[in-house]
Amino acid sequence: LETWADLYGVTGSGAHLELVRRYDRRRFFDALLEGRDVLTN
């Protein structure tokens, strides 16, 4: 996700922004936003 964001920051390409969207790990990120401990172990 970081490398696609880096690339999009340089090119501004819609395809590279789409890769940012696709590599957004929602299962993990959404659980963090809900305040759950999804880290232990």
PDB file of all heavy atoms in Angstrom:
ATOM      1  N   LEU A   1       0.831  -1.198   0.000  1.00  0.00           N
ATOM      2  CA  LEU A   1       0.000   0.000   0.000  1.00  0.00           C
ATOM      3  C   LEU A   1       0.870   1.254   0.000  1.00  0.00           C
ATOM      4  O   LEU A   1       0.587   2.230  -0.708  1.00  0.00           O
ATOM      5  CB  LEU A   1      -0.924  -0.019   1.223  1.00  0.00           C
ATOM      6  CG  LEU A   1      -1.779   1.225   1.453  1.00  0.00           C
ATOM      7  CD1 LEU A   1      -2.710   1.474   0.274  1.00  0.00           C
ATOM      8  CD2 LEU A   1      -2.584   1.078   2.748  1.00  0.00           C
ATOM      9  N   GLU A   2       1.948   1.237   0.767  1.00  0.00           N
ATOM     10  CA  GLU A   2       2.833   2.403   0.835  1.00  0.00           C
ATOM     11  C   GLU A   2       3.476   2.685  -0.515  1.00  0.00           C
ATOM     12  O   GLU A   2       3.576   3.844  -0.945  1.00  0.00           O
ATOM     13  CB  GLU A   2       3.918   2.186   1.894  1.00  0.00           C
ATOM     14  CG  GLU A   2       4.855   3.371   2.044  1.00  0.00           C
ATOM     15  CD  GLU A   2       5.974   3.137   3.049  1.00  0.00           C
ATOM     16  OE1 GLU A   2       6.176   1.975   3.458  1.00  0.00           O
ATOM     17  OE2 GLU A   2       6.652   4.112   3.422  1.00  0.00           O
ATOM     18  N   THR A   3       3.924   1.641  -1.208  1.00  0.00           N
ATOM     19  CA  THR A   3       4.607   1.886  -2.481  1.00  0.00           C
ATOM     20  C   THR A   3       3.638   2.387  -3.549  1.00  0.00           C
ATOM     21  O   THR A   3       4.015   3.233  -4.363  1.00  0.00           O
ATOM     22  CB  THR A   3       5.322   0.612  -2.987  1.00  0.00           C
ATOM     23  OG1 THR A   3       4.402  -0.473  -3.046  1.00  0.00           O
ATOM     24  CG2 THR A   3       6.461   0.238  -2.076  1.00  0.00           C
ATOM     25  N   TRP A   4       2.401   1.882  -3.538  1.00  0.00           N
ATOM     26  CA  TRP A   4       1.428   2.412  -4.511  1.00  0.00           C
ATOM     27  C   TRP A   4       1.102   3.869  -4.179  1.00  0.00           C
ATOM     28  O   TRP A   4       0.938   4.693  -5.091  1.00  0.00           O
ATOM     29  CB  TRP A   4       0.163   1.572  -4.523  1.00  0.00           C
ATOM     30  CG  TRP A   4       0.338   0.132  -4.920  1.00  0.00           C
ATOM     31  CD1 TRP A   4      -0.324  -0.941  -4.399  1.00  0.00           C
ATOM     32  CD2 TRP A   4       1.210  -0.412  -5.927  1.00  0.00           C
ATOM     33  NE1 TRP A   4       0.080  -2.110  -4.997  1.00  0.00           N
ATOM     34  CE2 TRP A   4       1.019  -1.811  -5.944  1.00  0.00           C
ATOM     35  CE3 TRP A   4       2.141   0.150  -6.804  1.00  0.00           C
ATOM     36  CZ2 TRP A   4       1.725  -2.657  -6.803  1.00  0.00           C
ATOM     37  CZ3 TRP A   4       2.854  -0.696  -7.674  1.00  0.00           C
ATOM     38  CH2 TRP A   4       2.635  -2.078  -7.657  1.00  0.00           C
ATOM     39  N   ALA A   5       1.016   4.198  -2.896  1.00  0.00           N
ATOM     40  CA  ALA A   5       0.770   5.594  -2.506  1.00  0.00           C
ATOM     41  C   ALA A   5       1.962   6.471  -2.905  1.00  0.00           C
ATOM     42  O   ALA A   5       1.777   7.597  -3.382  1.00  0.00           O
ATOM     43  CB  ALA A   5       0.496   5.681  -1.015  1.00  0.00           C
ATOM     44  N   ASP A   6       3.177   5.966  -2.698  1.00  0.00           N
ATOM     45  CA  ASP A   6       4.365   6.701  -3.135  1.00  0.00           C
ATOM     46  C   ASP A   6       4.308   6.976  -4.641  1.00  0.00           C
ATOM     47  O   ASP A   6       4.582   8.093  -5.100  1.00  0.00           O
ATOM     48  CB  ASP A   6       5.630   5.904  -2.812  1.00  0.00           C
ATOM     49  CG  ASP A   6       6.030   5.984  -1.351  1.00  0.00           C
ATOM     50  OD1 ASP A   6       5.682   6.966  -0.676  1.00  0.00           O
ATOM     51  OD2 ASP A   6       6.711   5.043  -0.881  1.00  0.00           O
ATOM     52  N   LEU A   7       3.967   5.945  -5.399  1.00  0.00           N
ATOM     53  CA  LEU A   7       3.935   6.086  -6.857  1.00  0.00           C
ATOM     54  C   LEU A   7       2.843   7.062  -7.281  1.00  0.00           C
ATOM     55  O   LEU A   7       3.069   7.926  -8.144  1.00  0.00           O
ATOM     56  CB  LEU A   7       3.719   4.715  -7.501  1.00  0.00           C
ATOM     57  CG  LEU A   7       3.817   4.647  -9.029  1.00  0.00           C
ATOM     58  CD1 LEU A   7       5.181   5.126  -9.512  1.00  0.00           C
ATOM     59  CD2 LEU A   7       3.544   3.229  -9.517  1.00  0.00           C
ATOM     60  N   TYR A   8       1.682   6.952  -6.663  1.00  0.00           N
ATOM     61  CA  TYR A   8       0.594   7.880  -6.985  1.00  0.00           C
ATOM     62  C   TYR A   8       0.990   9.313  -6.652  1.00  0.00           C
ATOM     63  O   TYR A   8       0.659  10.252  -7.388  1.00  0.00           O
ATOM     64  CB  TYR A   8      -0.668   7.485  -6.222  1.00  0.00           C
ATOM     65  CG  TYR A   8      -1.782   8.495  -6.351  1.00  0.00           C
ATOM     66  CD1 TYR A   8      -2.395   8.731  -7.587  1.00  0.00           C
ATOM     67  CD2 TYR A   8      -2.202   9.236  -5.245  1.00  0.00           C
ATOM     68  CE1 TYR A   8      -3.406   9.678  -7.715  1.00  0.00           C
ATOM     69  CE2 TYR A   8      -3.217  10.181  -5.361  1.00  0.00           C
ATOM     70  CZ  TYR A   8      -3.814  10.396  -6.599  1.00  0.00           C
ATOM     71  OH  TYR A   8      -4.809  11.335  -6.718  1.00  0.00           O
ATOM     72  N   GLY A   9       1.728   9.496  -5.566  1.00  0.00           N
ATOM     73  CA  GLY A   9       2.188  10.836  -5.200  1.00  0.00           C
ATOM     74  C   GLY A   9       3.081  11.463  -6.248  1.00  0.00           C
ATOM     75  O   GLY A   9       3.151  12.690  -6.359  1.00  0.00           O
ATOM     76  N   VAL A  10       3.757  10.633  -7.044  1.00  0.00           N
ATOM     77  CA  VAL A  10       4.634  11.132  -8.106  1.00  0.00           C
ATOM     78  C   VAL A  10       3.862  11.330  -9.403  1.00  0.00           C
ATOM     79  O   VAL A  10       3.985  12.365 -10.070  1.00  0.00           O
ATOM     80  CB  VAL A  10       5.814  10.164  -8.341  1.00  0.00           C
ATOM     81  CG1 VAL A  10       6.645  10.612  -9.542  1.00  0.00           C
ATOM     82  CG2 VAL A  10       6.683  10.068  -7.093  1.00  0.00           C
ATOM     83  N   THR A  11       3.041  10.339  -9.772  1.00  0.00           N
ATOM     84  CA  THR A  11       2.429  10.335 -11.103  1.00  0.00           C
ATOM     85  C   THR A  11       1.040  10.966 -11.155  1.00  0.00           C
ATOM     86  O   THR A  11       0.636  11.472 -12.198  1.00  0.00           O
ATOM     87  CB  THR A  11       2.317   8.902 -11.635  1.00  0.00           C
ATOM     88  OG1 THR A  11       1.352   8.170 -10.841  1.00  0.00           O
ATOM     89  CG2 THR A  11       3.667   8.194 -11.593  1.00  0.00           C
ATOM     90  N   GLY A  12       0.292  10.878 -10.046  1.00  0.00           N
ATOM     91  CA  GLY A  12      -1.096  11.329 -10.065  1.00  0.00           C
ATOM     92  C   GLY A  12      -1.989  10.467 -10.936  1.00  0.00           C
ATOM     93  O   GLY A  12      -3.131  10.844 -11.242  1.00  0.00           O
ATOM     94  N   SER A  13      -1.517   9.299 -11.318  1.00  0.00           N
ATOM     95  CA  SER A  13      -2.252   8.417 -12.231  1.00  0.00           C
ATOM     96  C   SER A  13      -3.471   7.798 -11.543  1.00  0.00           C
ATOM     97  O   SER A  13      -3.383   7.316 -10.407  1.00  0.00           O
ATOM     98  CB  SER A  13      -1.326   7.308 -12.729  1.00  0.00           C
ATOM     99  OG  SER A  13      -2.056   6.246 -13.314  1.00  0.00           O
ATOM    100  N   GLY A  14      -4.587   7.760 -12.257  1.00  0.00           N
ATOM    101  CA  GLY A  14      -5.782   7.119 -11.738  1.00  0.00           C
ATOM    102  C   GLY A  14      -5.581   5.634 -11.499  1.00  0.00           C
ATOM    103  O   GLY A  14      -6.151   5.067 -10.555  1.00  0.00           O
ATOM    104  N   ALA A  15      -4.769   4.979 -12.336  1.00  0.00           N
ATOM    105  CA  ALA A  15      -4.495   3.553 -12.154  1.00  0.00           C
ATOM    106  C   ALA A  15      -3.728   3.323 -10.855  1.00  0.00           C
ATOM    107  O   ALA A  15      -3.973   2.345 -10.143  1.00  0.00           O
ATOM    108  CB  ALA A  15      -3.709   3.013 -13.347  1.00  0.00           C
ATOM    109  N   HIS A  16      -2.824   4.220 -10.547  1.00  0.00           N
ATOM    110  CA  HIS A  16      -2.043   4.054  -9.319  1.00  0.00           C
ATOM    111  C   HIS A  16      -2.892   4.357  -8.081  1.00  0.00           C
ATOM    112  O   HIS A  16      -2.724   3.716  -7.045  1.00  0.00           O
ATOM    113  CB  HIS A  16      -0.811   4.947  -9.369  1.00  0.00           C
ATOM    114  CG  HIS A  16       0.090   4.622 -10.519  1.00  0.00           C
ATOM    115  ND1 HIS A  16       0.962   5.532 -11.083  1.00  0.00           N
ATOM    116  CD2 HIS A  16       0.241   3.468 -11.234  1.00  0.00           C
ATOM    117  CE1 HIS A  16       1.609   4.962 -12.081  1.00  0.00           C
ATOM    118  NE2 HIS A  16       1.184   3.711 -12.204  1.00  0.00           N
ATOM    119  N   LEU A  17      -3.832   5.297  -8.197  1.00  0.00           N
ATOM    120  CA  LEU A  17      -4.781   5.528  -7.109  1.00  0.00           C
ATOM    121  C   LEU A  17      -5.669   4.303  -6.916  1.00  0.00           C
ATOM    122  O   LEU A  17      -5.986   3.919  -5.779  1.00  0.00           O
ATOM    123  CB  LEU A  17      -5.625   6.766  -7.391  1.00  0.00           C
ATOM    124  CG  LEU A  17      -6.687   7.098  -6.343  1.00  0.00           C
ATOM    125  CD1 LEU A  17      -6.055   7.347  -4.980  1.00  0.00           C
ATOM    126  CD2 LEU A  17      -7.507   8.316  -6.791  1.00  0.00           C
ATOM    127  N   GLU A  18      -6.046   3.660  -8.008  1.00  0.00           N
ATOM    128  CA  GLU A  18      -6.864   2.452  -7.901  1.00  0.00           C
ATOM    129  C   GLU A  18      -6.100   1.337  -7.194  1.00  0.00           C
ATOM    130  O   GLU A  18      -6.688   0.560  -6.420  1.00  0.00           O
ATOM    131  CB  GLU A  18      -7.297   1.992  -9.305  1.00  0.00           C
ATOM    132  CG  GLU A  18      -8.115   0.712  -9.332  1.00  0.00           C
ATOM    133  CD  GLU A  18      -9.423   0.795  -8.567  1.00  0.00           C
ATOM    134  OE1 GLU A  18      -9.921   1.912  -8.344  1.00  0.00           O
ATOM    135  OE2 GLU A  18      -9.955  -0.280  -8.193  1.00  0.00           O
ATOM    136  N   LEU A  19      -4.794   1.235  -7.431  1.00  0.00           N
ATOM    137  CA  LEU A  19      -4.009   0.249  -6.698  1.00  0.00           C
ATOM    138  C   LEU A  19      -3.994   0.558  -5.199  1.00  0.00           C
ATOM    139  O   LEU A  19      -4.013  -0.363  -4.364  1.00  0.00           O
ATOM    140  CB  LEU A  19      -2.575   0.200  -7.243  1.00  0.00           C
ATOM    141  CG  LEU A  19      -2.389  -0.565  -8.548  1.00  0.00           C
ATOM    142  CD1 LEU A  19      -0.982  -0.349  -9.106  1.00  0.00           C
ATOM    143  CD2 LEU A  19      -2.650  -2.057  -8.352  1.00  0.00           C
ATOM    144  N   VAL A  20      -3.948   1.837  -4.839  1.00  0.00           N
ATOM    145  CA  VAL A  20      -4.071   2.212  -3.425  1.00  0.00           C
ATOM    146  C   VAL A  20      -5.388   1.687  -2.876  1.00  0.00           C
ATOM    147  O   VAL A  20      -5.436   1.095  -1.780  1.00  0.00           O
ATOM    148  CB  VAL A  20      -3.978   3.743  -3.262  1.00  0.00           C
ATOM    149  CG1 VAL A  20      -4.320   4.154  -1.816  1.00  0.00           C
ATOM    150  CG2 VAL A  20      -2.587   4.246  -3.633  1.00  0.00           C
ATOM    151  N   ARG A  21      -6.471   1.874  -3.595  1.00  0.00           N
ATOM    152  CA  ARG A  21      -7.787   1.397  -3.146  1.00  0.00           C
ATOM    153  C   ARG A  21      -7.801  -0.134  -3.003  1.00  0.00           C
ATOM    154  O   ARG A  21      -8.323  -0.668  -2.023  1.00  0.00           O
ATOM    155  CB  ARG A  21      -8.861   1.819  -4.142  1.00  0.00           C
ATOM    156  CG  ARG A  21      -8.922   3.294  -4.429  1.00  0.00           C
ATOM    157  CD  ARG A  21      -9.727   4.039  -3.383  1.00  0.00           C
ATOM    158  NE  ARG A  21      -9.906   5.423  -3.759  1.00  0.00           N
ATOM    159  CZ  ARG A  21      -9.396   6.458  -3.102  1.00  0.00           C
ATOM    160  NH1 ARG A  21      -8.667   6.245  -2.020  1.00  0.00           N
ATOM    161  NH2 ARG A  21      -9.606   7.687  -3.495  1.00  0.00           N
ATOM    162  N   ARG A  22      -7.243  -0.816  -3.967  1.00  0.00           N
ATOM    163  CA  ARG A  22      -7.287  -2.281  -3.942  1.00  0.00           C
ATOM    164  C   ARG A  22      -6.453  -2.863  -2.807  1.00  0.00           C
ATOM    165  O   ARG A  22      -6.790  -3.912  -2.271  1.00  0.00           O
ATOM    166  CB  ARG A  22      -6.812  -2.842  -5.292  1.00  0.00           C
ATOM    167  CG  ARG A  22      -7.772  -2.553  -6.446  1.00  0.00           C
ATOM    168  CD  ARG A  22      -7.214  -3.026  -7.784  1.00  0.00           C
ATOM    169  NE  ARG A  22      -8.086  -2.617  -8.887  1.00  0.00           N
ATOM    170  CZ  ARG A  22      -7.834  -2.858 -10.166  1.00  0.00           C
ATOM    171  NH1 ARG A  22      -6.714  -3.501 -10.507  1.00  0.00           N
ATOM    172  NH2 ARG A  22      -8.676  -2.458 -11.098  1.00  0.00           N
ATOM    173  N   TYR A  23      -5.347  -2.191  -2.484  1.00  0.00           N
ATOM    174  CA  TYR A  23      -4.464  -2.724  -1.439  1.00  0.00           C
ATOM    175  C   TYR A  23      -4.781  -2.147  -0.055  1.00  0.00           C
ATOM    176  O   TYR A  23      -3.988  -2.287   0.865  1.00  0.00           O
ATOM    177  CB  TYR A  23      -3.004  -2.494  -1.822  1.00  0.00           C
ATOM    178  CG  TYR A  23      -2.504  -3.577  -2.755  1.00  0.00           C
ATOM    179  CD1 TYR A  23      -2.768  -3.528  -4.121  1.00  0.00           C
ATOM    180  CD2 TYR A  23      -1.804  -4.672  -2.259  1.00  0.00           C
ATOM    181  CE1 TYR A  23      -2.335  -4.534  -4.972  1.00  0.00           C
ATOM    182  CE2 TYR A  23      -1.366  -5.676  -3.095  1.00  0.00           C
ATOM    183  CZ  TYR A  23      -1.642  -5.611  -4.450  1.00  0.00           C
ATOM    184  OH  TYR A  23      -1.225  -6.631  -5.287  1.00  0.00           O
ATOM    185  N   ASP A  24      -5.925  -1.552   0.099  1.00  0.00           N
ATOM    186  CA  ASP A  24      -6.431  -1.085   1.387  1.00  0.00           C
ATOM    187  C   ASP A  24      -6.931  -2.318   2.157  1.00  0.00           C
ATOM    188  O   ASP A  24      -7.922  -2.932   1.793  1.00  0.00           O
ATOM    189  CB  ASP A  24      -7.580  -0.106   1.125  1.00  0.00           C
ATOM    190  CG  ASP A  24      -8.140   0.507   2.383  1.00  0.00           C
ATOM    191  OD1 ASP A  24      -8.228  -0.198   3.419  1.00  0.00           O
ATOM    192  OD2 ASP A  24      -8.527   1.690   2.336  1.00  0.00           O
ATOM    193  N   ARG A  25      -6.216  -2.688   3.240  1.00  0.00           N
ATOM    194  CA  ARG A  25      -6.561  -3.921   3.982  1.00  0.00           C
ATOM    195  C   ARG A  25      -7.696  -3.643   4.972  1.00  0.00           C
ATOM    196  O   ARG A  25      -7.491  -3.448   6.166  1.00  0.00           O
ATOM    197  CB  ARG A  25      -5.335  -4.480   4.714  1.00  0.00           C
ATOM    198  CG  ARG A  25      -5.567  -5.899   5.197  1.00  0.00           C
ATOM    199  CD  ARG A  25      -4.405  -6.444   5.981  1.00  0.00           C
ATOM    200  NE  ARG A  25      -4.754  -7.731   6.558  1.00  0.00           N
ATOM    201  CZ  ARG A  25      -4.105  -8.316   7.561  1.00  0.00           C
ATOM    202  NH1 ARG A  25      -3.056  -7.724   8.095  1.00  0.00           N
ATOM    203  NH2 ARG A  25      -4.502  -9.463   8.034  1.00  0.00           N
ATOM    204  N   ARG A  26      -8.916  -3.686   4.466  1.00  0.00           N
ATOM    205  CA  ARG A  26     -10.070  -3.222   5.231  1.00  0.00           C
ATOM    206  C   ARG A  26     -10.366  -4.091   6.452  1.00  0.00           C
ATOM    207  O   ARG A  26     -10.805  -3.580   7.482  1.00  0.00           O
ATOM    208  CB  ARG A  26     -11.292  -3.162   4.318  1.00  0.00           C
ATOM    209  CG  ARG A  26     -11.092  -2.202   3.150  1.00  0.00           C
ATOM    210  CD  ARG A  26     -12.287  -2.136   2.230  1.00  0.00           C
ATOM    211  NE  ARG A  26     -11.990  -1.362   1.025  1.00  0.00           N
ATOM    212  CZ  ARG A  26     -12.869  -1.126   0.063  1.00  0.00           C
ATOM    213  NH1 ARG A  26     -14.100  -1.601   0.163  1.00  0.00           N
ATOM    214  NH2 ARG A  26     -12.522  -0.430  -0.994  1.00  0.00           N
ATOM    215  N   ARG A  27     -10.181  -5.392   6.349  1.00  0.00           N
ATOM    216  CA  ARG A  27     -10.471  -6.247   7.504  1.00  0.00           C
ATOM    217  C   ARG A  27      -9.659  -5.818   8.727  1.00  0.00           C
ATOM    218  O   ARG A  27     -10.158  -5.826   9.849  1.00  0.00           O
ATOM    219  CB  ARG A  27     -10.155  -7.704   7.167  1.00  0.00           C
ATOM    220  CG  ARG A  27     -11.131  -8.344   6.207  1.00  0.00           C
ATOM    221  CD  ARG A  27     -10.683  -9.750   5.853  1.00  0.00           C
ATOM    222  NE  ARG A  27     -11.593 -10.374   4.906  1.00  0.00           N
ATOM    223  CZ  ARG A  27     -11.356 -11.525   4.284  1.00  0.00           C
ATOM    224  NH1 ARG A  27     -10.209 -12.169   4.525  1.00  0.00           N
ATOM    225  NH2 ARG A  27     -12.227 -12.034   3.442  1.00  0.00           N
ATOM    226  N   PHE A  28      -8.429  -5.461   8.510  1.00  0.00           N
ATOM    227  CA  PHE A  28      -7.542  -5.027   9.585  1.00  0.00           C
ATOM    228  C   PHE A  28      -7.833  -3.582   9.975  1.00  0.00           C
ATOM    229  O   PHE A  28      -8.019  -3.252  11.149  1.00  0.00           O
ATOM    230  CB  PHE A  28      -6.094  -5.196   9.126  1.00  0.00           C
ATOM    231  CG  PHE A  28      -5.053  -4.685  10.073  1.00  0.00           C
ATOM    232  CD1 PHE A  28      -5.147  -4.896  11.442  1.00  0.00           C
ATOM    233  CD2 PHE A  28      -3.952  -3.986   9.588  1.00  0.00           C
ATOM    234  CE1 PHE A  28      -4.165  -4.421  12.316  1.00  0.00           C
ATOM    235  CE2 PHE A  28      -2.971  -3.509  10.443  1.00  0.00           C
ATOM    236  CZ  PHE A  28      -3.089  -3.722  11.802  1.00  0.00           C
ATOM    237  N   PHE A  29      -7.900  -2.714   8.987  1.00  0.00           N
ATOM    238  CA  PHE A  29      -8.075  -1.298   9.249  1.00  0.00           C
ATOM    239  C   PHE A  29      -9.413  -0.997   9.935  1.00  0.00           C
ATOM    240  O   PHE A  29      -9.486  -0.204  10.883  1.00  0.00           O
ATOM    241  CB  PHE A  29      -7.975  -0.489   7.953  1.00  0.00           C
ATOM    242  CG  PHE A  29      -6.602  -0.488   7.320  1.00  0.00           C
ATOM    243  CD1 PHE A  29      -6.419  -0.026   6.029  1.00  0.00           C
ATOM    244  CD2 PHE A  29      -5.483  -0.929   8.022  1.00  0.00           C
ATOM    245  CE1 PHE A  29      -5.166   0.009   5.445  1.00  0.00           C
ATOM    246  CE2 PHE A  29      -4.219  -0.918   7.439  1.00  0.00           C
ATOM    247  CZ  PHE A  29      -4.070  -0.442   6.147  1.00  0.00           C
ATOM    248  N   ASP A  30     -10.494  -1.633   9.463  1.00  0.00           N
ATOM    249  CA  ASP A  30     -11.814  -1.369  10.045  1.00  0.00           C
ATOM    250  C   ASP A  30     -11.870  -1.819  11.499  1.00  0.00           C
ATOM    251  O   ASP A  30     -12.499  -1.169  12.336  1.00  0.00           O
ATOM    252  CB  ASP A  30     -12.905  -2.055   9.231  1.00  0.00           C
ATOM    253  CG  ASP A  30     -13.109  -1.411   7.860  1.00  0.00           C
ATOM    254  OD1 ASP A  30     -12.549  -0.317   7.641  1.00  0.00           O
ATOM    255  OD2 ASP A  30     -13.802  -1.996   7.022  1.00  0.00           O
ATOM    256  N   ALA A  31     -11.218  -2.952  11.803  1.00  0.00           N
ATOM    257  CA  ALA A  31     -11.203  -3.434  13.189  1.00  0.00           C
ATOM    258  C   ALA A  31     -10.470  -2.444  14.096  1.00  0.00           C
ATOM    259  O   ALA A  31     -10.884  -2.205  15.242  1.00  0.00           O
ATOM    260  CB  ALA A  31     -10.537  -4.800  13.259  1.00  0.00           C
ATOM    261  N   LEU A  32      -9.389  -1.848  13.603  1.00  0.00           N
ATOM    262  CA  LEU A  32      -8.692  -0.829  14.384  1.00  0.00           C
ATOM    263  C   LEU A  32      -9.591   0.374  14.642  1.00  0.00           C
ATOM    264  O   LEU A  32      -9.652   0.901  15.760  1.00  0.00           O
ATOM    265  CB  LEU A  32      -7.426  -0.376  13.655  1.00  0.00           C
ATOM    266  CG  LEU A  32      -6.222  -1.309  13.683  1.00  0.00           C
ATOM    267  CD1 LEU A  32      -5.143  -0.810  12.728  1.00  0.00           C
ATOM    268  CD2 LEU A  32      -5.641  -1.422  15.092  1.00  0.00           C
ATOM    269  N   LEU A  33     -10.318   0.809  13.613  1.00  0.00           N
ATOM    270  CA  LEU A  33     -11.197   1.956  13.762  1.00  0.00           C
ATOM    271  C   LEU A  33     -12.336   1.677  14.737  1.00  0.00           C
ATOM    272  O   LEU A  33     -12.859   2.606  15.371  1.00  0.00           O
ATOM    273  CB  LEU A  33     -11.760   2.365  12.397  1.00  0.00           C
ATOM    274  CG  LEU A  33     -10.746   2.964  11.417  1.00  0.00           C
ATOM    275  CD1 LEU A  33     -11.380   3.188  10.055  1.00  0.00           C
ATOM    276  CD2 LEU A  33     -10.173   4.270  11.959  1.00  0.00           C
ATOM    277  N   GLU A  34     -12.699   0.412  14.877  1.00  0.00           N
ATOM    278  CA  GLU A  34     -13.746   0.026  15.844  1.00  0.00           C
ATOM    279  C   GLU A  34     -13.206  -0.075  17.262  1.00  0.00           C
ATOM    280  O   GLU A  34     -13.967  -0.324  18.202  1.00  0.00           O
ATOM    281  CB  GLU A  34     -14.353  -1.315  15.424  1.00  0.00           C
ATOM    282  CG  GLU A  34     -15.175  -1.241  14.147  1.00  0.00           C
ATOM    283  CD  GLU A  34     -15.495  -2.625  13.588  1.00  0.00           C
ATOM    284  OE1 GLU A  34     -15.202  -3.630  14.283  1.00  0.00           O
ATOM    285  OE2 GLU A  34     -16.025  -2.689  12.469  1.00  0.00           O
ATOM    286  N   GLY A  35     -11.882   0.105  17.438  1.00  0.00           N
ATOM    287  CA  GLY A  35     -11.294   0.073  18.759  1.00  0.00           C
ATOM    288  C   GLY A  35     -10.965  -1.307  19.266  1.00  0.00           C
ATOM    289  O   GLY A  35     -10.663  -1.488  20.455  1.00  0.00           O
ATOM    290  N   ARG A  36     -10.962  -2.305  18.379  1.00  0.00           N
ATOM    291  CA  ARG A  36     -10.666  -3.671  18.808  1.00  0.00           C
ATOM    292  C   ARG A  36      -9.152  -3.907  18.842  1.00  0.00           C
ATOM    293  O   ARG A  36      -8.401  -3.325  18.055  1.00  0.00           O
ATOM    294  CB  ARG A  36     -11.318  -4.681  17.857  1.00  0.00           C
ATOM    295  CG  ARG A  36     -12.831  -4.744  17.979  1.00  0.00           C
ATOM    296  CD  ARG A  36     -13.383  -5.940  17.225  1.00  0.00           C
ATOM    297  NE  ARG A  36     -13.598  -5.632  15.816  1.00  0.00           N
ATOM    298  CZ  ARG A  36     -13.340  -6.488  14.823  1.00  0.00           C
ATOM    299  NH1 ARG A  36     -12.819  -7.668  15.080  1.00  0.00           N
ATOM    300  NH2 ARG A  36     -13.583  -6.145  13.571  1.00  0.00           N
ATOM    301  N   ASP A  37      -8.713  -4.759  19.774  1.00  0.00           N
ATOM    302  CA  ASP A  37      -7.312  -5.171  19.819  1.00  0.00           C
ATOM    303  C   ASP A  37      -7.119  -6.303  18.817  1.00  0.00           C
ATOM    304  O   ASP A  37      -7.386  -7.459  19.106  1.00  0.00           O
ATOM    305  CB  ASP A  37      -6.923  -5.635  21.227  1.00  0.00           C
ATOM    306  CG  ASP A  37      -5.465  -6.122  21.295  1.00  0.00           C
ATOM    307  OD1 ASP A  37      -4.742  -5.963  20.288  1.00  0.00           O
ATOM    308  OD2 ASP A  37      -5.081  -6.668  22.342  1.00  0.00           O
ATOM    309  N   VAL A  38      -6.657  -5.940  17.635  1.00  0.00           N
ATOM    310  CA  VAL A  38      -6.397  -6.939  16.600  1.00  0.00           C
ATOM    311  C   VAL A  38      -4.896  -7.151  16.437  1.00  0.00           C
ATOM    312  O   VAL A  38      -4.436  -7.600  15.387  1.00  0.00           O
ATOM    313  CB  VAL A  38      -7.027  -6.542  15.248  1.00  0.00           C
ATOM    314  CG1 VAL A  38      -8.519  -6.787  15.247  1.00  0.00           C
ATOM    315  CG2 VAL A  38      -6.719  -5.086  14.911  1.00  0.00           C
ATOM    316  N   LEU A  39      -4.146  -6.840  17.505  1.00  0.00           N
ATOM    317  CA  LEU A  39      -2.705  -6.991  17.446  1.00  0.00           C
ATOM    318  C   LEU A  39      -2.197  -8.152  18.294  1.00  0.00           C
ATOM    319  O   LEU A  39      -1.326  -8.903  17.843  1.00  0.00           O
ATOM    320  CB  LEU A  39      -2.014  -5.693  17.904  1.00  0.00           C
ATOM    321  CG  LEU A  39      -2.370  -4.403  17.170  1.00  0.00           C
ATOM    322  CD1 LEU A  39      -1.435  -3.286  17.611  1.00  0.00           C
ATOM    323  CD2 LEU A  39      -2.320  -4.571  15.670  1.00  0.00           C
ATOM    324  N   THR A  40      -2.692  -8.313  19.514  1.00  0.00           N
ATOM    325  CA  THR A  40      -2.133  -9.306  20.431  1.00  0.00           C
ATOM    326  C   THR A  40      -2.022 -10.670  19.763  1.00  0.00           C
ATOM    327  O   THR A  40      -2.985 -11.181  19.188  1.00  0.00           O
ATOM    328  CB  THR A  40      -2.998  -9.419  21.698  1.00  0.00           C
ATOM    329  OG1 THR A  40      -3.011  -8.145  22.355  1.00  0.00           O
ATOM    330  CG2 THR A  40      -2.449 -10.464  22.649  1.00  0.00           C
ATOM    331  N   ASN A  41      -0.811 -11.239  19.837  1.00  0.00           N
ATOM    332  CA  ASN A  41      -0.484 -12.549  19.279  1.00  0.00           C
ATOM    333  C   ASN A  41      -0.538 -12.591  17.750  1.00  0.00           C
ATOM    334  O   ASN A  41      -0.528 -13.679  17.161  1.00  0.00           O
ATOM    335  CB  ASN A  41      -1.386 -13.649  19.861  1.00  0.00           C
ATOM    336  CG  ASN A  41      -1.107 -13.894  21.326  1.00  0.00           C
ATOM    337  OD1 ASN A  41       0.023 -13.741  21.782  1.00  0.00           O
ATOM    338  ND2 ASN A  41      -2.131 -14.270  22.071  1.00  0.00           N
TER     339      ASN A  41
END
